[in-house]
PDB file of all heavy atoms in Angstrom:
ATOM      1  N   PHE A   1      78.264  -7.739 -25.970  1.00  0.00           N
ATOM      2  CA  PHE A   1      77.939  -8.961 -25.239  1.00  0.00           C
ATOM      3  C   PHE A   1      77.094  -9.874 -26.100  1.00  0.00           C
ATOM      4  O   PHE A   1      76.428  -9.404 -27.064  1.00  0.00           O
ATOM      5  CB  PHE A   1      77.211  -8.651 -23.927  1.00  0.00           C
ATOM      6  CG  PHE A   1      75.966  -7.822 -24.065  1.00  0.00           C
ATOM      7  CD1 PHE A   1      74.728  -8.418 -24.106  1.00  0.00           C
ATOM      8  CD2 PHE A   1      76.029  -6.420 -24.111  1.00  0.00           C
ATOM      9  CE1 PHE A   1      73.549  -7.676 -24.220  1.00  0.00           C
ATOM     10  CE2 PHE A   1      74.886  -5.664 -24.216  1.00  0.00           C
ATOM     11  CZ  PHE A   1      73.637  -6.290 -24.278  1.00  0.00           C
ATOM     12  N   ALA A   2      77.160 -11.152 -25.844  1.00  0.00           N
ATOM     13  CA  ALA A   2      76.372 -12.134 -26.578  1.00  0.00           C
ATOM     14  C   ALA A   2      74.934 -12.142 -26.078  1.00  0.00           C
ATOM     15  O   ALA A   2      74.687 -11.847 -24.902  1.00  0.00           O
ATOM     16  CB  ALA A   2      76.991 -13.530 -26.446  1.00  0.00           C
ATOM     17  N   VAL A   3      74.002 -12.491 -26.938  1.00  0.00           N
ATOM     18  CA  VAL A   3      72.605 -12.627 -26.537  1.00  0.00           C
ATOM     19  C   VAL A   3      72.011 -13.885 -27.181  1.00  0.00           C
ATOM     20  O   VAL A   3      72.468 -14.340 -28.213  1.00  0.00           O
ATOM     21  CB  VAL A   3      71.745 -11.409 -26.972  1.00  0.00           C
ATOM     22  CG1 VAL A   3      72.255 -10.127 -26.321  1.00  0.00           C
ATOM     23  CG2 VAL A   3      71.697 -11.235 -28.483  1.00  0.00           C
ATOM     24  N   VAL A   4      71.026 -14.440 -26.491  1.00  0.00           N
ATOM     25  CA  VAL A   4      70.262 -15.581 -27.022  1.00  0.00           C
ATOM     26  C   VAL A   4      68.803 -15.217 -27.090  1.00  0.00           C
ATOM     27  O   VAL A   4      68.315 -14.366 -26.304  1.00  0.00           O
ATOM     28  CB  VAL A   4      70.472 -16.846 -26.137  1.00  0.00           C
ATOM     29  CG1 VAL A   4      71.939 -17.248 -26.093  1.00  0.00           C
ATOM     30  CG2 VAL A   4      69.935 -16.641 -24.723  1.00  0.00           C
ATOM     31  N   ASN A   5      68.079 -15.825 -28.009  1.00  0.00           N
ATOM     32  CA  ASN A   5      66.664 -15.471 -28.178  1.00  0.00           C
ATOM     33  C   ASN A   5      65.758 -16.303 -27.307  1.00  0.00           C
ATOM     34  O   ASN A   5      64.541 -16.265 -27.472  1.00  0.00           O
ATOM     35  CB  ASN A   5      66.254 -15.580 -29.645  1.00  0.00           C
ATOM     36  CG  ASN A   5      66.403 -16.982 -30.209  1.00  0.00           C
ATOM     37  OD1 ASN A   5      66.857 -17.893 -29.489  1.00  0.00           O
ATOM     38  ND2 ASN A   5      66.032 -17.172 -31.457  1.00  0.00           N
ATOM     39  N   ASP A   6      66.317 -17.041 -26.351  1.00  0.00           N
ATOM     40  CA  ASP A   6      65.508 -17.810 -25.399  1.00  0.00           C
ATOM     41  C   ASP A   6      65.207 -16.953 -24.169  1.00  0.00           C
ATOM     42  O   ASP A   6      66.000 -16.114 -23.761  1.00  0.00           O
ATOM     43  CB  ASP A   6      66.253 -19.065 -24.938  1.00  0.00           C
ATOM     44  CG  ASP A   6      66.670 -19.929 -26.090  1.00  0.00           C
ATOM     45  OD1 ASP A   6      65.802 -20.464 -26.783  1.00  0.00           O
ATOM     46  OD2 ASP A   6      67.904 -20.039 -26.332  1.00  0.00           O
ATOM     47  N   VAL A   7      64.055 -17.207 -23.549  1.00  0.00           N
ATOM     48  CA  VAL A   7      63.743 -16.647 -22.256  1.00  0.00           C
ATOM     49  C   VAL A   7      64.477 -17.469 -21.198  1.00  0.00           C
ATOM     50  O   VAL A   7      64.294 -18.669 -21.102  1.00  0.00           O
ATOM     51  CB  VAL A   7      62.238 -16.639 -21.957  1.00  0.00           C
ATOM     52  CG1 VAL A   7      61.935 -16.226 -20.519  1.00  0.00           C
ATOM     53  CG2 VAL A   7      61.509 -15.708 -22.927  1.00  0.00           C
ATOM     54  N   THR A   8      65.334 -16.825 -20.415  1.00  0.00           N
ATOM     55  CA  THR A   8      66.208 -17.539 -19.487  1.00  0.00           C
ATOM     56  C   THR A   8      66.012 -17.117 -18.025  1.00  0.00           C
ATOM     57  O   THR A   8      66.723 -17.597 -17.158  1.00  0.00           O
ATOM     58  CB  THR A   8      67.680 -17.364 -19.860  1.00  0.00           C
ATOM     59  OG1 THR A   8      68.023 -15.957 -19.826  1.00  0.00           O
ATOM     60  CG2 THR A   8      67.970 -17.908 -21.251  1.00  0.00           C
ATOM     61  N   TYR A   9      65.073 -16.216 -17.775  1.00  0.00           N
ATOM     62  CA  TYR A   9      64.884 -15.760 -16.388  1.00  0.00           C
ATOM     63  C   TYR A   9      63.442 -15.354 -16.181  1.00  0.00           C
ATOM     64  O   TYR A   9      62.857 -14.650 -17.010  1.00  0.00           O
ATOM     65  CB  TYR A   9      65.802 -14.576 -16.079  1.00  0.00           C
ATOM     66  CG  TYR A   9      65.932 -14.278 -14.605  1.00  0.00           C
ATOM     67  CD1 TYR A   9      66.890 -14.904 -13.814  1.00  0.00           C
ATOM     68  CD2 TYR A   9      65.108 -13.346 -13.983  1.00  0.00           C
ATOM     69  CE1 TYR A   9      67.052 -14.639 -12.488  1.00  0.00           C
ATOM     70  CE2 TYR A   9      65.236 -13.062 -12.609  1.00  0.00           C
ATOM     71  CZ  TYR A   9      66.205 -13.705 -11.879  1.00  0.00           C
ATOM     72  OH  TYR A   9      66.351 -13.446 -10.534  1.00  0.00           O
ATOM     73  N   ALA A  10      62.861 -15.769 -15.061  1.00  0.00           N
ATOM     74  CA  ALA A  10      61.497 -15.399 -14.718  1.00  0.00           C
ATOM     75  C   ALA A  10      61.512 -14.522 -13.458  1.00  0.00           C
ATOM     76  O   ALA A  10      61.996 -14.962 -12.410  1.00  0.00           O
ATOM     77  CB  ALA A  10      60.646 -16.663 -14.463  1.00  0.00           C
ATOM     78  N   TYR A  11      61.022 -13.303 -13.614  1.00  0.00           N
ATOM     79  CA  TYR A  11      61.011 -12.329 -12.533  1.00  0.00           C
ATOM     80  C   TYR A  11      59.618 -12.310 -11.905  1.00  0.00           C
ATOM     81  O   TYR A  11      58.633 -11.946 -12.552  1.00  0.00           O
ATOM     82  CB  TYR A  11      61.364 -10.941 -13.092  1.00  0.00           C
ATOM     83  CG  TYR A  11      61.445  -9.843 -12.056  1.00  0.00           C
ATOM     84  CD1 TYR A  11      62.642  -9.532 -11.429  1.00  0.00           C
ATOM     85  CD2 TYR A  11      60.307  -9.112 -11.710  1.00  0.00           C
ATOM     86  CE1 TYR A  11      62.717  -8.519 -10.485  1.00  0.00           C
ATOM     87  CE2 TYR A  11      60.370  -8.090 -10.783  1.00  0.00           C
ATOM     88  CZ  TYR A  11      61.564  -7.809 -10.172  1.00  0.00           C
ATOM     89  OH  TYR A  11      61.625  -6.799  -9.214  1.00  0.00           O
ATOM     90  N   ARG A  12      59.576 -12.725 -10.639  1.00  0.00           N
ATOM     91  CA  ARG A  12      58.270 -12.800  -9.949  1.00  0.00           C
ATOM     92  C   ARG A  12      57.854 -11.427  -9.421  1.00  0.00           C
ATOM     93  O   ARG A  12      58.669 -10.703  -8.849  1.00  0.00           O
ATOM     94  CB  ARG A  12      58.401 -13.777  -8.756  1.00  0.00           C
ATOM     95  CG  ARG A  12      57.075 -14.126  -8.099  1.00  0.00           C
ATOM     96  CD  ARG A  12      57.286 -14.916  -6.813  1.00  0.00           C
ATOM     97  NE  ARG A  12      58.032 -16.128  -7.016  1.00  0.00           N
ATOM     98  CZ  ARG A  12      57.485 -17.315  -7.183  1.00  0.00           C
ATOM     99  NH1 ARG A  12      56.158 -17.439  -7.187  1.00  0.00           N
ATOM    100  NH2 ARG A  12      58.227 -18.396  -7.338  1.00  0.00           N
ATOM    101  N   HIS A  13      56.598 -11.040  -9.669  1.00  0.00           N
ATOM    102  CA  HIS A  13      56.096  -9.772  -9.122  1.00  0.00           C
ATOM    103  C   HIS A  13      54.669  -9.951  -8.623  1.00  0.00           C
ATOM    104  O   HIS A  13      54.099 -11.048  -8.706  1.00  0.00           O
ATOM    105  CB  HIS A  13      56.182  -8.653 -10.169  1.00  0.00           C
ATOM    106  CG  HIS A  13      55.204  -8.754 -11.296  1.00  0.00           C
ATOM    107  ND1 HIS A  13      54.252  -7.811 -11.555  1.00  0.00           N
ATOM    108  CD2 HIS A  13      55.043  -9.720 -12.236  1.00  0.00           C
ATOM    109  CE1 HIS A  13      53.531  -8.163 -12.598  1.00  0.00           C
ATOM    110  NE2 HIS A  13      53.974  -9.307 -13.044  1.00  0.00           N
ATOM    111  N   ASN A  14      54.140  -8.901  -8.023  1.00  0.00           N
ATOM    112  CA  ASN A  14      52.823  -8.925  -7.371  1.00  0.00           C
ATOM    113  C   ASN A  14      52.793  -9.898  -6.207  1.00  0.00           C
ATOM    114  O   ASN A  14      51.783 -10.562  -5.957  1.00  0.00           O
ATOM    115  CB  ASN A  14      51.700  -9.309  -8.387  1.00  0.00           C
ATOM    116  CG  ASN A  14      51.250  -8.121  -9.199  1.00  0.00           C
ATOM    117  OD1 ASN A  14      51.586  -7.002  -8.894  1.00  0.00           O
ATOM    118  ND2 ASN A  14      50.489  -8.393 -10.246  1.00  0.00           N
ATOM    119  N   HIS A  15      53.909  -9.931  -5.452  1.00  0.00           N
ATOM    120  CA  HIS A  15      53.918 -10.791  -4.292  1.00  0.00           C
ATOM    121  C   HIS A  15      54.507 -10.114  -3.054  1.00  0.00           C
ATOM    122  O   HIS A  15      54.509 -10.679  -1.973  1.00  0.00           O
ATOM    123  CB  HIS A  15      54.756 -12.050  -4.575  1.00  0.00           C
ATOM    124  CG  HIS A  15      56.212 -11.765  -4.825  1.00  0.00           C
ATOM    125  ND1 HIS A  15      56.651 -11.082  -5.931  1.00  0.00           N
ATOM    126  CD2 HIS A  15      57.342 -12.068  -4.119  1.00  0.00           C
ATOM    127  CE1 HIS A  15      57.960 -10.978  -5.913  1.00  0.00           C
ATOM    128  NE2 HIS A  15      58.396 -11.557  -4.811  1.00  0.00           N
ATOM    129  N   LYS A  16      54.960  -8.858  -3.216  1.00  0.00           N
ATOM    130  CA  LYS A  16      55.582  -8.147  -2.096  1.00  0.00           C
ATOM    131  C   LYS A  16      54.586  -7.160  -1.507  1.00  0.00           C
ATOM    132  O   LYS A  16      53.658  -6.704  -2.199  1.00  0.00           O
ATOM    133  CB  LYS A  16      56.831  -7.417  -2.540  1.00  0.00           C
ATOM    134  CG  LYS A  16      57.926  -8.361  -3.024  1.00  0.00           C
ATOM    135  CD  LYS A  16      59.153  -7.605  -3.468  1.00  0.00           C
ATOM    136  CE  LYS A  16      60.245  -8.551  -3.940  1.00  0.00           C
ATOM    137  NZ  LYS A  16      61.451  -7.842  -4.426  1.00  0.00           N
ATOM    138  N   SER A  17      54.787  -6.795  -0.256  1.00  0.00           N
ATOM    139  CA  SER A  17      53.915  -5.843   0.412  1.00  0.00           C
ATOM    140  C   SER A  17      54.158  -4.445  -0.167  1.00  0.00           C
ATOM    141  O   SER A  17      55.229  -4.162  -0.690  1.00  0.00           O
ATOM    142  CB  SER A  17      54.168  -5.813   1.917  1.00  0.00           C
ATOM    143  OG  SER A  17      55.521  -5.474   2.180  1.00  0.00           O
ATOM    144  N   PRO A  18      53.156  -3.550  -0.090  1.00  0.00           N
ATOM    145  CA  PRO A  18      53.324  -2.217  -0.619  1.00  0.00           C
ATOM    146  C   PRO A  18      54.464  -1.460   0.071  1.00  0.00           C
ATOM    147  O   PRO A  18      54.856  -1.785   1.184  1.00  0.00           O
ATOM    148  CB  PRO A  18      51.987  -1.546  -0.300  1.00  0.00           C
ATOM    149  CG  PRO A  18      51.024  -2.659  -0.121  1.00  0.00           C
ATOM    150  CD  PRO A  18      51.809  -3.793   0.465  1.00  0.00           C
ATOM    151  N   VAL A  19      54.991  -0.479  -0.646  1.00  0.00           N
ATOM    152  CA  VAL A  19      56.063   0.361  -0.080  1.00  0.00           C
ATOM    153  C   VAL A  19      55.560   1.038   1.191  1.00  0.00           C
ATOM    154  O   VAL A  19      54.436   1.525   1.255  1.00  0.00           O
ATOM    155  CB  VAL A  19      56.511   1.403  -1.108  1.00  0.00           C
ATOM    156  CG1 VAL A  19      57.574   2.335  -0.486  1.00  0.00           C
ATOM    157  CG2 VAL A  19      57.055   0.736  -2.360  1.00  0.00           C
ATOM    158  N   SER A  20      56.403   1.053   2.210  1.00  0.00           N
ATOM    159  CA  SER A  20      56.015   1.690   3.457  1.00  0.00           C
ATOM    160  C   SER A  20      55.876   3.194   3.275  1.00  0.00           C
ATOM    161  O   SER A  20      56.318   3.763   2.280  1.00  0.00           O
ATOM    162  CB  SER A  20      57.075   1.394   4.531  1.00  0.00           C
ATOM    163  OG  SER A  20      58.350   1.812   4.095  1.00  0.00           O
ATOM    164  N   SER A  21      55.316   3.883   4.274  1.00  0.00           N
ATOM    165  CA  SER A  21      55.029   5.305   4.136  1.00  0.00           C
ATOM    166  C   SER A  21      56.318   6.084   4.004  1.00  0.00           C
ATOM    167  O   SER A  21      57.386   5.677   4.442  1.00  0.00           O
ATOM    168  CB  SER A  21      54.270   5.793   5.375  1.00  0.00           C
ATOM    169  OG  SER A  21      55.136   5.887   6.479  1.00  0.00           O
ATOM    170  N   ILE A  22      56.197   7.241   3.368  1.00  0.00           N
ATOM    171  CA  ILE A  22      57.369   8.029   3.074  1.00  0.00           C
ATOM    172  C   ILE A  22      58.073   8.575   4.309  1.00  0.00           C
ATOM    173  O   ILE A  22      59.236   8.913   4.289  1.00  0.00           O
ATOM    174  CB  ILE A  22      56.994   9.204   2.134  1.00  0.00           C
ATOM    175  CG1 ILE A  22      58.256   9.855   1.539  1.00  0.00           C
ATOM    176  CG2 ILE A  22      56.163  10.245   2.843  1.00  0.00           C
ATOM    177  CD1 ILE A  22      57.955  10.795   0.422  1.00  0.00           C
ATOM    178  N   GLY A  23      57.381   8.581   5.429  1.00  0.00           N
ATOM    179  CA  GLY A  23      57.957   9.208   6.589  1.00  0.00           C
ATOM    180  C   GLY A  23      58.908   8.368   7.404  1.00  0.00           C
ATOM    181  O   GLY A  23      59.577   8.894   8.272  1.00  0.00           O
ATOM    182  N   ASP A  24      58.998   7.064   7.151  1.00  0.00           N
ATOM    183  CA  ASP A  24      59.862   6.265   8.027  1.00  0.00           C
ATOM    184  C   ASP A  24      61.294   6.297   7.588  1.00  0.00           C
ATOM    185  O   ASP A  24      61.648   6.724   6.487  1.00  0.00           O
ATOM    186  CB  ASP A  24      59.327   4.825   8.131  1.00  0.00           C
ATOM    187  CG  ASP A  24      59.405   4.038   6.833  1.00  0.00           C
ATOM    188  OD1 ASP A  24      60.360   4.262   6.073  1.00  0.00           O
ATOM    189  OD2 ASP A  24      58.491   3.238   6.576  1.00  0.00           O
ATOM    190  N   SER A  25      62.192   5.857   8.483  1.00  0.00           N
ATOM    191  CA  SER A  25      63.638   6.000   8.248  1.00  0.00           C
ATOM    192  C   SER A  25      64.085   5.116   7.122  1.00  0.00           C
ATOM    193  O   SER A  25      65.006   5.502   6.375  1.00  0.00           O
ATOM    194  CB  SER A  25      64.398   5.640   9.535  1.00  0.00           C
ATOM    195  OG  SER A  25      64.127   4.303   9.936  1.00  0.00           O
TER     196      SER A  25
END
């Protein structure tokens, strides 16, 4: 596959709620 040396995507993080408890469905 071809690649470019530019940054082309910004992935937003630190904005979602924590993972729910392991016991739920």
